[in-house]
Amino acid sequence: MDIGVEISLYPLQADFAGVIHRFLDRLNADGRFRVVSNSMSTQVFGPYDDVLDAMRRELRATFEGLESTDSGKAVFVMKVFGPLAPAGSAGAPVLQPAK
């Protein structure tokens, strides 16, 4: 069963862009998901267990990175939707690039 997660990251510090870019870089490097980002949020599509395992791993990595540098806190806002048809099948979500 596939799902989609829409996630937004709000680092509570002046240098927020670096925290967001590192989070997105790690998520994109995984390679198992379709990841679509825009200026407001990121959507991640893939198998249920894989997506939620990646979310858990990347949330932890972000919090631990902030903790180790004593550079602040962050807020994640996340929505999970599904079940979705597997990627590439009829009924799978088709996303258009942001304009």
Protein backbone atom coordinates (compact mmCIF):
# COMPACT_ATOMS: atom_id res chain seq x y z
CA MET A 1 0.00 0.00 0.00
CA ASP A 2 1.37 3.41 -0.99
CA ILE A 3 0.82 6.66 0.90
CA GLY A 4 1.64 10.30 0.50
CA VAL A 5 3.07 12.55 3.17
CA GLU A 6 3.05 16.31 2.97
CA ILE A 7 5.62 17.77 5.34
CA SER A 8 6.77 21.28 6.19
CA LEU A 9 9.80 22.11 8.31
CA TYR A 10 10.04 25.34 10.29
CA PRO A 11 13.45 25.72 11.98
CA LEU A 12 13.17 28.27 14.79
CA GLN A 13 16.46 30.02 14.09
CA ALA A 14 17.91 32.72 11.86
CA ASP A 15 19.77 30.27 9.58
CA PHE A 16 16.68 28.27 8.71
CA ALA A 17 17.48 27.60 5.03
CA GLY A 18 20.45 25.33 5.74
CA VAL A 19 18.40 23.09 8.03
CA ILE A 20 15.67 22.75 5.40
CA HIS A 21 18.10 22.05 2.55
CA ARG A 22 19.93 19.35 4.54
CA PHE A 23 16.59 17.67 5.35
CA LEU A 24 15.52 17.73 1.69
CA ASP A 25 18.93 16.53 0.46
CA ARG A 26 18.78 13.49 2.75
CA LEU A 27 15.20 12.73 1.70
CA ASN A 28 16.02 13.01 -2.02
CA ALA A 29 19.17 10.89 -1.64
CA ASP A 30 17.09 7.93 -0.44
CA GLY A 31 15.90 7.19 -3.99
CA ARG A 32 12.90 5.00 -3.03
CA PHE A 33 10.31 7.77 -3.18
CA ARG A 34 8.84 10.35 -5.44
CA VAL A 35 9.64 13.65 -3.72
CA VAL A 36 8.00 16.88 -4.88
CA SER A 37 9.00 20.14 -3.20
CA ASN A 38 7.67 23.66 -3.52
CA SER A 39 8.07 26.82 -1.46
CA MET A 40 5.44 25.72 1.08
CA SER A 41 5.98 21.99 1.64
CA THR A 42 7.36 18.72 0.37
CA GLN A 43 5.30 15.73 -0.69
CA VAL A 44 6.72 12.23 -0.43
CA PHE A 45 5.05 9.26 -2.14
CA GLY A 46 5.89 5.58 -1.76
CA PRO A 47 5.23 2.38 0.17
CA TYR A 48 3.72 2.94 3.61
CA ASP A 49 6.47 1.38 5.74
CA ASP A 50 9.30 2.89 3.69
CA VAL A 51 7.90 6.43 3.76
CA LEU A 52 7.13 6.40 7.47
CA ASP A 53 10.52 4.85 8.30
CA ALA A 54 12.21 7.61 6.29
CA MET A 55 10.12 10.29 8.04
CA ARG A 56 11.07 8.91 11.44
CA ARG A 57 14.76 8.72 10.48
CA GLU A 58 14.89 12.23 8.99
CA LEU A 59 12.94 13.92 11.77
CA ARG A 60 15.36 12.38 14.26
CA ALA A 61 18.41 13.41 12.21
CA THR A 62 17.12 16.98 12.04
CA PHE A 63 16.42 17.21 15.77
CA GLU A 64 19.75 15.59 16.65
CA GLY A 65 21.60 18.00 14.34
CA LEU A 66 19.97 20.97 16.04
CA GLU A 67 20.67 19.52 19.48
CA SER A 68 24.34 18.77 18.77
CA THR A 69 24.99 22.35 17.65
CA ASP A 70 22.73 23.89 20.31
CA SER A 71 21.29 25.99 17.48
CA GLY A 72 17.60 25.96 18.28
CA LYS A 73 14.49 23.95 17.75
CA ALA A 74 12.26 23.10 14.81
CA VAL A 75 8.61 22.43 14.09
CA PHE A 76 7.43 19.83 11.58
CA VAL A 77 3.88 19.90 10.22
CA MET A 78 2.90 16.66 8.53
CA LYS A 79 -0.19 15.28 6.80
CA VAL A 80 -0.49 11.64 5.75
CA PHE A 81 -2.94 10.50 3.11
CA GLY A 82 -3.76 7.17 1.55
CA PRO A 83 -4.09 4.51 0.57
CA LEU A 84 -2.85 5.41 -2.88
CA ALA A 85 -2.47 3.26 -5.95
CA PRO A 86 1.17 2.17 -6.39
CA ALA A 87 3.29 4.59 -8.42
CA GLY A 88 3.00 3.98 -12.15
CA SER A 89 -0.40 2.27 -11.97
CA ALA A 90 -3.78 3.60 -13.04
CA GLY A 91 -5.13 5.87 -10.33
CA ALA A 92 -1.72 6.87 -9.00
CA PRO A 93 -1.44 10.60 -8.25
CA VAL A 94 -0.01 12.66 -11.06
CA LEU A 95 1.69 15.85 -9.95
CA GLN A 96 2.47 18.81 -12.12
CA PRO A 97 5.54 20.94 -11.45
CA ALA A 98 4.90 24.19 -9.60
CA LYS A 99 4.73 27.25 -11.83
